[in-house]
Amino acid sequence: MICDFCNAPNPAWRFRARPFLIDYGPITGESDADWAACNECREMIVADDRNGLVNRAMLMAPAIPDLPEADVRELRRWSQGLFFTHRVPCAPVPIA
């Protein structure tokens, strides 16, 4: 399992979210529910540090094949924004 925000291995936290569709031009998919987060991303989510989340994602996994860095950054900002829009307002829970 990896952090849904930065791709770090072995995330320790789960944030509840309602399912939603992802349609970003050639990139489509769906988020079926909860998002996993590492300790560092958890702190930024709780603090609503959206820029920090994007910056960490770019540091941990800076490339998506066939996309320029600026587009990767924008895609991450957009998809993480969908998480915040669909997040269920409750505390994160530890992943067993």
PDB file of N, CA and C in Angstrom:
ATOM      1  N   MET A   1       0.848  -1.161   0.000  1.00  0.00           N
ATOM      2  CA  MET A   1       0.000   0.000   0.000  1.00  0.00           C
ATOM      3  C   MET A   1       0.904   1.237   0.000  1.00  0.00           C
ATOM      4  N   ILE A   2       0.429   2.296  -0.673  1.00  0.00           N
ATOM      5  CA  ILE A   2       1.178   3.556  -0.704  1.00  0.00           C
ATOM      6  C   ILE A   2       0.277   4.712  -0.290  1.00  0.00           C
ATOM      7  N   CYS A   3       0.889   5.801   0.098  1.00  0.00           N
ATOM      8  CA  CYS A   3       0.173   7.019   0.436  1.00  0.00           C
ATOM      9  C   CYS A   3      -0.505   7.533  -0.838  1.00  0.00           C
ATOM     10  N   ASP A   4      -1.779   7.826  -0.766  1.00  0.00           N
ATOM     11  CA  ASP A   4      -2.521   8.329  -1.923  1.00  0.00           C
ATOM     12  C   ASP A   4      -2.153   9.766  -2.276  1.00  0.00           C
ATOM     13  N   PHE A   5      -1.386  10.418  -1.441  1.00  0.00           N
ATOM     14  CA  PHE A   5      -1.012  11.807  -1.681  1.00  0.00           C
ATOM     15  C   PHE A   5       0.396  11.945  -2.238  1.00  0.00           C
ATOM     16  N   CYS A   6       1.348  11.150  -1.712  1.00  0.00           N
ATOM     17  CA  CYS A   6       2.750  11.330  -2.126  1.00  0.00           C
ATOM     18  C   CYS A   6       3.420  10.054  -2.611  1.00  0.00           C
ATOM     19  N   ASN A   7       2.722   8.926  -2.544  1.00  0.00           N
ATOM     20  CA  ASN A   7       3.252   7.627  -2.960  1.00  0.00           C
ATOM     21  C   ASN A   7       4.280   7.022  -2.007  1.00  0.00           C
ATOM     22  N   ALA A   8       4.420   7.560  -0.801  1.00  0.00           N
ATOM     23  CA  ALA A   8       5.318   6.950   0.190  1.00  0.00           C
ATOM     24  C   ALA A   8       4.774   5.569   0.569  1.00  0.00           C
ATOM     25  N   PRO A   9       5.659   4.609   0.821  1.00  0.00           N
ATOM     26  CA  PRO A   9       5.189   3.271   1.186  1.00  0.00           C
ATOM     27  C   PRO A   9       4.634   3.227   2.615  1.00  0.00           C
ATOM     28  N   ASN A  10       3.794   2.244   2.853  1.00  0.00           N
ATOM     29  CA  ASN A  10       3.272   1.935   4.189  1.00  0.00           C
ATOM     30  C   ASN A  10       2.578   3.108   4.885  1.00  0.00           C
ATOM     31  N   PRO A  11       1.537   3.657   4.288  1.00  0.00           N
ATOM     32  CA  PRO A  11       0.818   4.749   4.963  1.00  0.00           C
ATOM     33  C   PRO A  11       0.211   4.265   6.278  1.00  0.00           C
ATOM     34  N   ALA A  12       0.119   5.167   7.229  1.00  0.00           N
ATOM     35  CA  ALA A  12      -0.345   4.797   8.566  1.00  0.00           C
ATOM     36  C   ALA A  12      -1.757   5.288   8.879  1.00  0.00           C
ATOM     37  N   TRP A  13      -2.341   6.116   7.996  1.00  0.00           N
ATOM     38  CA  TRP A  13      -3.621   6.761   8.298  1.00  0.00           C
ATOM     39  C   TRP A  13      -4.606   6.593   7.158  1.00  0.00           C
ATOM     40  N   ARG A  14      -5.885   6.588   7.523  1.00  0.00           N
ATOM     41  CA  ARG A  14      -6.956   6.520   6.535  1.00  0.00           C
ATOM     42  C   ARG A  14      -7.908   7.691   6.769  1.00  0.00           C
ATOM     43  N   PHE A  15      -8.189   8.417   5.694  1.00  0.00           N
ATOM     44  CA  PHE A  15      -9.143   9.518   5.723  1.00  0.00           C
ATOM     45  C   PHE A  15     -10.388   9.092   4.956  1.00  0.00           C
ATOM     46  N   ARG A  16     -11.538   9.271   5.552  1.00  0.00           N
ATOM     47  CA  ARG A  16     -12.788   8.898   4.888  1.00  0.00           C
ATOM     48  C   ARG A  16     -13.131   9.921   3.817  1.00  0.00           C
ATOM     49  N   ALA A  17     -13.621   9.418   2.684  1.00  0.00           N
ATOM     50  CA  ALA A  17     -14.055  10.277   1.582  1.00  0.00           C
ATOM     51  C   ALA A  17     -15.175   9.574   0.826  1.00  0.00           C
ATOM     52  N   ARG A  18     -16.102  10.386   0.288  1.00  0.00           N
ATOM     53  CA  ARG A  18     -17.156   9.843  -0.554  1.00  0.00           C
ATOM     54  C   ARG A  18     -16.573   9.503  -1.928  1.00  0.00           C
ATOM     55  N   PRO A  19     -17.092   8.483  -2.599  1.00  0.00           N
ATOM     56  CA  PRO A  19     -16.607   8.132  -3.940  1.00  0.00           C
ATOM     57  C   PRO A  19     -16.807   9.293  -4.919  1.00  0.00           C
ATOM     58  N   PHE A  20     -15.907   9.385  -5.907  1.00  0.00           N
ATOM     59  CA  PHE A  20     -16.049  10.402  -6.949  1.00  0.00           C
ATOM     60  C   PHE A  20     -15.313   9.967  -8.205  1.00  0.00           C
ATOM     61  N   LEU A  21     -15.711  10.548  -9.330  1.00  0.00           N
ATOM     62  CA  LEU A  21     -15.080  10.262 -10.615  1.00  0.00           C
ATOM     63  C   LEU A  21     -13.937  11.228 -10.854  1.00  0.00           C
ATOM     64  N   ILE A  22     -12.921  10.745 -11.549  1.00  0.00           N
ATOM     65  CA  ILE A  22     -11.765  11.563 -11.934  1.00  0.00           C
ATOM     66  C   ILE A  22     -11.748  11.615 -13.450  1.00  0.00           C
ATOM     67  N   ASP A  23     -11.836  12.821 -14.000  1.00  0.00           N
ATOM     68  CA  ASP A  23     -11.803  12.991 -15.451  1.00  0.00           C
ATOM     69  C   ASP A  23     -10.931  14.195 -15.757  1.00  0.00           C
ATOM     70  N   TYR A  24      -9.680  13.927 -16.042  1.00  0.00           N
ATOM     71  CA  TYR A  24      -8.701  14.976 -16.311  1.00  0.00           C
ATOM     72  C   TYR A  24      -8.143  14.749 -17.706  1.00  0.00           C
ATOM     73  N   GLY A  25      -8.992  14.989 -18.711  1.00  0.00           N
ATOM     74  CA  GLY A  25      -8.570  14.762 -20.084  1.00  0.00           C
ATOM     75  C   GLY A  25      -8.244  13.305 -20.323  1.00  0.00           C
ATOM     76  N   PRO A  26      -6.984  13.001 -20.652  1.00  0.00           N
ATOM     77  CA  PRO A  26      -6.631  11.606 -20.945  1.00  0.00           C
ATOM     78  C   PRO A  26      -6.545  10.720 -19.699  1.00  0.00           C
ATOM     79  N   ILE A  27      -6.607  11.305 -18.527  1.00  0.00           N
ATOM     80  CA  ILE A  27      -6.516  10.537 -17.287  1.00  0.00           C
ATOM     81  C   ILE A  27      -7.911  10.463 -16.670  1.00  0.00           C
ATOM     82  N   THR A  28      -8.467   9.262 -16.631  1.00  0.00           N
ATOM     83  CA  THR A  28      -9.794   9.064 -16.050  1.00  0.00           C
ATOM     84  C   THR A  28      -9.736   7.922 -15.050  1.00  0.00           C
ATOM     85  N   GLY A  29     -10.670   7.919 -14.154  1.00  0.00           N
ATOM     86  CA  GLY A  29     -10.742   6.859 -13.158  1.00  0.00           C
ATOM     87  C   GLY A  29     -11.764   7.226 -12.115  1.00  0.00           C
ATOM     88  N   GLU A  30     -11.662   6.573 -10.994  1.00  0.00           N
ATOM     89  CA  GLU A  30     -12.565   6.881  -9.894  1.00  0.00           C
ATOM     90  C   GLU A  30     -11.885   6.629  -8.566  1.00  0.00           C
ATOM     91  N   SER A  31     -12.321   7.373  -7.590  1.00  0.00           N
ATOM     92  CA  SER A  31     -11.893   7.138  -6.218  1.00  0.00           C
ATOM     93  C   SER A  31     -13.078   6.480  -5.535  1.00  0.00           C
ATOM     94  N   ASP A  32     -12.895   5.254  -5.068  1.00  0.00           N
ATOM     95  CA  ASP A  32     -14.033   4.510  -4.558  1.00  0.00           C
ATOM     96  C   ASP A  32     -14.341   4.753  -3.088  1.00  0.00           C
ATOM     97  N   ALA A  33     -13.463   5.425  -2.367  1.00  0.00           N
ATOM     98  CA  ALA A  33     -13.762   5.704  -0.955  1.00  0.00           C
ATOM     99  C   ALA A  33     -12.583   6.374  -0.275  1.00  0.00           C
ATOM    100  N   ASP A  34     -12.114   5.756   0.806  1.00  0.00           N
ATOM    101  CA  ASP A  34     -11.113   6.355   1.677  1.00  0.00           C
ATOM    102  C   ASP A  34      -9.760   6.532   0.989  1.00  0.00           C
ATOM    103  N   TRP A  35      -8.977   7.480   1.518  1.00  0.00           N
ATOM    104  CA  TRP A  35      -7.618   7.738   1.032  1.00  0.00           C
ATOM    105  C   TRP A  35      -6.633   7.421   2.143  1.00  0.00           C
ATOM    106  N   ALA A  36      -5.527   6.786   1.783  1.00  0.00           N
ATOM    107  CA  ALA A  36      -4.466   6.464   2.730  1.00  0.00           C
ATOM    108  C   ALA A  36      -3.450   7.598   2.758  1.00  0.00           C
ATOM    109  N   ALA A  37      -2.883   7.849   3.931  1.00  0.00           N
ATOM    110  CA  ALA A  37      -1.899   8.928   4.074  1.00  0.00           C
ATOM    111  C   ALA A  37      -0.756   8.494   4.987  1.00  0.00           C
ATOM    112  N   CYS A  38       0.447   8.918   4.609  1.00  0.00           N
ATOM    113  CA  CYS A  38       1.610   8.720   5.476  1.00  0.00           C
ATOM    114  C   CYS A  38       1.533   9.755   6.614  1.00  0.00           C
ATOM    115  N   ASN A  39       2.425   9.628   7.590  1.00  0.00           N
ATOM    116  CA  ASN A  39       2.418  10.563   8.720  1.00  0.00           C
ATOM    117  C   ASN A  39       2.603  12.009   8.272  1.00  0.00           C
ATOM    118  N   GLU A  40       3.525  12.239   7.331  1.00  0.00           N
ATOM    119  CA  GLU A  40       3.802  13.603   6.881  1.00  0.00           C
ATOM    120  C   GLU A  40       2.594  14.206   6.177  1.00  0.00           C
ATOM    121  N   CYS A  41       1.963  13.436   5.293  1.00  0.00           N
ATOM    122  CA  CYS A  41       0.785  13.955   4.589  1.00  0.00           C
ATOM    123  C   CYS A  41      -0.390  14.150   5.542  1.00  0.00           C
ATOM    124  N   ARG A  42      -0.533  13.257   6.521  1.00  0.00           N
ATOM    125  CA  ARG A  42      -1.595  13.412   7.519  1.00  0.00           C
ATOM    126  C   ARG A  42      -1.495  14.784   8.191  1.00  0.00           C
ATOM    127  N   GLU A  43      -0.293  15.149   8.595  1.00  0.00           N
ATOM    128  CA  GLU A  43      -0.112  16.447   9.256  1.00  0.00           C
ATOM    129  C   GLU A  43      -0.535  17.599   8.349  1.00  0.00           C
ATOM    130  N   MET A  44      -0.198  17.512   7.072  1.00  0.00           N
ATOM    131  CA  MET A  44      -0.563  18.583   6.138  1.00  0.00           C
ATOM    132  C   MET A  44      -2.063  18.605   5.855  1.00  0.00           C
ATOM    133  N   ILE A  45      -2.694  17.434   5.802  1.00  0.00           N
ATOM    134  CA  ILE A  45      -4.147  17.379   5.586  1.00  0.00           C
ATOM    135  C   ILE A  45      -4.861  18.016   6.763  1.00  0.00           C
ATOM    136  N   VAL A  46      -4.484  17.629   7.964  1.00  0.00           N
ATOM    137  CA  VAL A  46      -5.107  18.178   9.175  1.00  0.00           C
ATOM    138  C   VAL A  46      -4.917  19.697   9.236  1.00  0.00           C
ATOM    139  N   ALA A  47      -3.749  20.184   8.788  1.00  0.00           N
ATOM    140  CA  ALA A  47      -3.454  21.624   8.788  1.00  0.00           C
ATOM    141  C   ALA A  47      -4.020  22.337   7.550  1.00  0.00           C
ATOM    142  N   ASP A  48      -4.657  21.577   6.642  1.00  0.00           N
ATOM    143  CA  ASP A  48      -5.170  22.118   5.377  1.00  0.00           C
ATOM    144  C   ASP A  48      -4.060  22.798   4.576  1.00  0.00           C
ATOM    145  N   ASP A  49      -2.872  22.205   4.612  1.00  0.00           N
ATOM    146  CA  ASP A  49      -1.711  22.718   3.874  1.00  0.00           C
ATOM    147  C   ASP A  49      -1.678  22.073   2.490  1.00  0.00           C
ATOM    148  N   ARG A  50      -2.513  22.555   1.603  1.00  0.00           N
ATOM    149  CA  ARG A  50      -2.651  21.955   0.277  1.00  0.00           C
ATOM    150  C   ARG A  50      -1.411  22.167  -0.578  1.00  0.00           C
ATOM    151  N   ASN A  51      -0.767  23.309  -0.445  1.00  0.00           N
ATOM    152  CA  ASN A  51       0.482  23.536  -1.185  1.00  0.00           C
ATOM    153  C   ASN A  51       1.570  22.585  -0.709  1.00  0.00           C
ATOM    154  N   GLY A  52       1.644  22.364   0.595  1.00  0.00           N
ATOM    155  CA  GLY A  52       2.618  21.427   1.140  1.00  0.00           C
ATOM    156  C   GLY A  52       2.402  20.017   0.623  1.00  0.00           C
ATOM    157  N   LEU A  53       1.136  19.602   0.502  1.00  0.00           N
ATOM    158  CA  LEU A  53       0.835  18.268  -0.030  1.00  0.00           C
ATOM    159  C   LEU A  53       1.324  18.118  -1.466  1.00  0.00           C
ATOM    160  N   VAL A  54       1.062  19.131  -2.281  1.00  0.00           N
ATOM    161  CA  VAL A  54       1.501  19.075  -3.677  1.00  0.00           C
ATOM    162  C   VAL A  54       3.024  19.063  -3.742  1.00  0.00           C
ATOM    163  N   ASN A  55       3.661  19.921  -2.951  1.00  0.00           N
ATOM    164  CA  ASN A  55       5.129  19.969  -2.958  1.00  0.00           C
ATOM    165  C   ASN A  55       5.735  18.636  -2.521  1.00  0.00           C
ATOM    166  N   ARG A  56       5.145  18.007  -1.512  1.00  0.00           N
ATOM    167  CA  ARG A  56       5.656  16.706  -1.068  1.00  0.00           C
ATOM    168  C   ARG A  56       5.468  15.655  -2.159  1.00  0.00           C
ATOM    169  N   ALA A  57       4.312  15.652  -2.798  1.00  0.00           N
ATOM    170  CA  ALA A  57       4.067  14.704  -3.886  1.00  0.00           C
ATOM    171  C   ALA A  57       5.084  14.899  -5.005  1.00  0.00           C
ATOM    172  N   MET A  58       5.399  16.137  -5.325  1.00  0.00           N
ATOM    173  CA  MET A  58       6.370  16.409  -6.384  1.00  0.00           C
ATOM    174  C   MET A  58       7.774  15.967  -5.968  1.00  0.00           C
ATOM    175  N   LEU A  59       8.073  16.043  -4.692  1.00  0.00           N
ATOM    176  CA  LEU A  59       9.377  15.600  -4.194  1.00  0.00           C
ATOM    177  C   LEU A  59       9.486  14.070  -4.199  1.00  0.00           C
ATOM    178  N   MET A  60       8.427  13.415  -3.773  1.00  0.00           N
ATOM    179  CA  MET A  60       8.451  11.962  -3.621  1.00  0.00           C
ATOM    180  C   MET A  60       8.280  11.216  -4.949  1.00  0.00           C
ATOM    181  N   ALA A  61       7.457  11.755  -5.833  1.00  0.00           N
ATOM    182  CA  ALA A  61       7.168  11.096  -7.122  1.00  0.00           C
ATOM    183  C   ALA A  61       6.975  12.184  -8.174  1.00  0.00           C
ATOM    184  N   PRO A  62       8.080  12.766  -8.650  1.00  0.00           N
ATOM    185  CA  PRO A  62       7.983  13.964  -9.487  1.00  0.00           C
ATOM    186  C   PRO A  62       7.498  13.768 -10.914  1.00  0.00           C
ATOM    187  N   ALA A  63       7.419  12.541 -11.399  1.00  0.00           N
ATOM    188  CA  ALA A  63       7.101  12.367 -12.820  1.00  0.00           C
ATOM    189  C   ALA A  63       5.899  11.466 -13.042  1.00  0.00           C
ATOM    190  N   ILE A  64       5.146  11.808 -14.059  1.00  0.00           N
ATOM    191  CA  ILE A  64       4.111  10.950 -14.623  1.00  0.00           C
ATOM    192  C   ILE A  64       4.473  10.846 -16.101  1.00  0.00           C
ATOM    193  N   PRO A  65       4.617   9.633 -16.624  1.00  0.00           N
ATOM    194  CA  PRO A  65       5.061   9.496 -18.015  1.00  0.00           C
ATOM    195  C   PRO A  65       4.261  10.364 -18.990  1.00  0.00           C
ATOM    196  N   ASP A  66       4.985  11.009 -19.887  1.00  0.00           N
ATOM    197  CA  ASP A  66       4.420  11.816 -20.975  1.00  0.00           C
ATOM    198  C   ASP A  66       3.744  13.109 -20.525  1.00  0.00           C
ATOM    199  N   LEU A  67       3.957  13.536 -19.275  1.00  0.00           N
ATOM    200  CA  LEU A  67       3.399  14.814 -18.823  1.00  0.00           C
ATOM    201  C   LEU A  67       4.523  15.731 -18.359  1.00  0.00           C
ATOM    202  N   PRO A  68       4.502  16.995 -18.806  1.00  0.00           N
ATOM    203  CA  PRO A  68       5.483  17.960 -18.307  1.00  0.00           C
ATOM    204  C   PRO A  68       5.283  18.190 -16.798  1.00  0.00           C
ATOM    205  N   GLU A  69       6.346  18.595 -16.128  1.00  0.00           N
ATOM    206  CA  GLU A  69       6.297  18.791 -14.671  1.00  0.00           C
ATOM    207  C   GLU A  69       5.175  19.742 -14.255  1.00  0.00           C
ATOM    208  N   ALA A  70       4.971  20.825 -14.977  1.00  0.00           N
ATOM    209  CA  ALA A  70       3.906  21.780 -14.633  1.00  0.00           C
ATOM    210  C   ALA A  70       2.527  21.109 -14.685  1.00  0.00           C
ATOM    211  N   ASP A  71       2.328  20.235 -15.657  1.00  0.00           N
ATOM    212  CA  ASP A  71       1.055  19.520 -15.757  1.00  0.00           C
ATOM    213  C   ASP A  71       0.901  18.507 -14.633  1.00  0.00           C
ATOM    214  N   VAL A  72       1.993  17.854 -14.245  1.00  0.00           N
ATOM    215  CA  VAL A  72       1.955  16.907 -13.129  1.00  0.00           C
ATOM    216  C   VAL A  72       1.566  17.647 -11.844  1.00  0.00           C
ATOM    217  N   ARG A  73       2.169  18.801 -11.630  1.00  0.00           N
ATOM    218  CA  ARG A  73       1.861  19.607 -10.442  1.00  0.00           C
ATOM    219  C   ARG A  73       0.376  20.003 -10.439  1.00  0.00           C
ATOM    220  N   GLU A  74      -0.120  20.454 -11.569  1.00  0.00           N
ATOM    221  CA  GLU A  74      -1.525  20.869 -11.663  1.00  0.00           C
ATOM    222  C   GLU A  74      -2.463  19.681 -11.476  1.00  0.00           C
ATOM    223  N   LEU A  75      -2.123  18.539 -12.037  1.00  0.00           N
ATOM    224  CA  LEU A  75      -2.938  17.339 -11.867  1.00  0.00           C
ATOM    225  C   LEU A  75      -3.011  16.938 -10.401  1.00  0.00           C
ATOM    226  N   ARG A  76      -1.892  17.001  -9.714  1.00  0.00           N
ATOM    227  CA  ARG A  76      -1.884  16.650  -8.281  1.00  0.00           C
ATOM    228  C   ARG A  76      -2.714  17.650  -7.470  1.00  0.00           C
ATOM    229  N   ARG A  77      -2.573  18.925  -7.772  1.00  0.00           N
ATOM    230  CA  ARG A  77      -3.358  19.944  -7.063  1.00  0.00           C
ATOM    231  C   ARG A  77      -4.853  19.698  -7.287  1.00  0.00           C
ATOM    232  N   TRP A  78      -5.214  19.391  -8.531  1.00  0.00           N
ATOM    233  CA  TRP A  78      -6.613  19.165  -8.888  1.00  0.00           C
ATOM    234  C   TRP A  78      -7.160  17.910  -8.203  1.00  0.00           C
ATOM    235  N   SER A  79      -6.423  16.784  -8.280  1.00  0.00           N
ATOM    236  CA  SER A  79      -6.930  15.537  -7.708  1.00  0.00           C
ATOM    237  C   SER A  79      -6.993  15.600  -6.186  1.00  0.00           C
ATOM    238  N   GLN A  80      -5.990  16.217  -5.568  1.00  0.00           N
ATOM    239  CA  GLN A  80      -6.045  16.377  -4.115  1.00  0.00           C
ATOM    240  C   GLN A  80      -7.181  17.316  -3.716  1.00  0.00           C
ATOM    241  N   GLY A  81      -7.473  18.296  -4.557  1.00  0.00           N
ATOM    242  CA  GLY A  81      -8.621  19.179  -4.310  1.00  0.00           C
ATOM    243  C   GLY A  81      -9.930  18.400  -4.315  1.00  0.00           C
ATOM    244  N   LEU A  82     -10.045  17.415  -5.218  1.00  0.00           N
ATOM    245  CA  LEU A  82     -11.233  16.563  -5.227  1.00  0.00           C
ATOM    246  C   LEU A  82     -11.348  15.796  -3.912  1.00  0.00           C
ATOM    247  N   PHE A  83     -10.216  15.320  -3.403  1.00  0.00           N
ATOM    248  CA  PHE A  83     -10.244  14.652  -2.098  1.00  0.00           C
ATOM    249  C   PHE A  83     -10.835  15.584  -1.037  1.00  0.00           C
ATOM    250  N   PHE A  84     -10.339  16.821  -0.963  1.00  0.00           N
ATOM    251  CA  PHE A  84     -10.833  17.749   0.056  1.00  0.00           C
ATOM    252  C   PHE A  84     -12.316  18.047  -0.135  1.00  0.00           C
ATOM    253  N   THR A  85     -12.779  18.103  -1.379  1.00  0.00           N
ATOM    254  CA  THR A  85     -14.199  18.342  -1.654  1.00  0.00           C
ATOM    255  C   THR A  85     -15.055  17.172  -1.186  1.00  0.00           C
ATOM    256  N   HIS A  86     -14.545  15.950  -1.318  1.00  0.00           N
ATOM    257  CA  HIS A  86     -15.324  14.757  -1.003  1.00  0.00           C
ATOM    258  C   HIS A  86     -14.966  14.126   0.350  1.00  0.00           C
ATOM    259  N   ARG A  87     -14.081  14.745   1.062  1.00  0.00           N
ATOM    260  CA  ARG A  87     -13.663  14.221   2.366  1.00  0.00           C
ATOM    261  C   ARG A  87     -14.831  14.236   3.344  1.00  0.00           C
ATOM    262  N   VAL A  88     -14.960  13.163   4.105  1.00  0.00           N
ATOM    263  CA  VAL A  88     -15.959  13.089   5.169  1.00  0.00           C
ATOM    264  C   VAL A  88     -15.352  13.761   6.394  1.00  0.00           C
ATOM    265  N   PRO A  89     -16.050  14.740   6.992  1.00  0.00           N
ATOM    266  CA  PRO A  89     -15.461  15.486   8.112  1.00  0.00           C
ATOM    267  C   PRO A  89     -15.399  14.675   9.403  1.00  0.00           C
ATOM    268  N   CYS A  90     -14.327  13.916   9.541  1.00  0.00           N
ATOM    269  CA  CYS A  90     -14.072  13.165  10.768  1.00  0.00           C
ATOM    270  C   CYS A  90     -12.557  12.988  10.883  1.00  0.00           C
ATOM    271  N   ALA A  91     -12.129  12.575  12.029  1.00  0.00           N
ATOM    272  CA  ALA A  91     -10.692  12.387  12.263  1.00  0.00           C
ATOM    273  C   ALA A  91     -10.169  11.192  11.466  1.00  0.00           C
ATOM    274  N   PRO A  92      -8.895  11.256  11.050  1.00  0.00           N
ATOM    275  CA  PRO A  92      -8.320  10.096  10.385  1.00  0.00           C
ATOM    276  C   PRO A  92      -8.190   8.939  11.374  1.00  0.00           C
ATOM    277  N   VAL A  93      -8.188   7.722  10.843  1.00  0.00           N
ATOM    278  CA  VAL A  93      -8.053   6.549  11.705  1.00  0.00           C
ATOM    279  C   VAL A  93      -6.766   5.806  11.326  1.00  0.00           C
ATOM    280  N   PRO A  94      -6.111   5.197  12.295  1.00  0.00           N
ATOM    281  CA  PRO A  94      -4.906   4.432  11.982  1.00  0.00           C
ATOM    282  C   PRO A  94      -5.228   3.220  11.098  1.00  0.00           C
ATOM    283  N   ILE A  95      -4.306   2.922  10.213  1.00  0.00           N
ATOM    284  CA  ILE A  95      -4.421   1.714   9.398  1.00  0.00           C
ATOM    285  C   ILE A  95      -3.784   0.576  10.189  1.00  0.00           C
ATOM    286  N   ALA A  96      -4.547  -0.475  10.388  1.00  0.00           N
ATOM    287  CA  ALA A  96      -4.042  -1.615  11.179  1.00  0.00           C
ATOM    288  C   ALA A  96      -2.976  -2.378  10.425  1.00  0.00           C
TER     289      ALA A  96
END
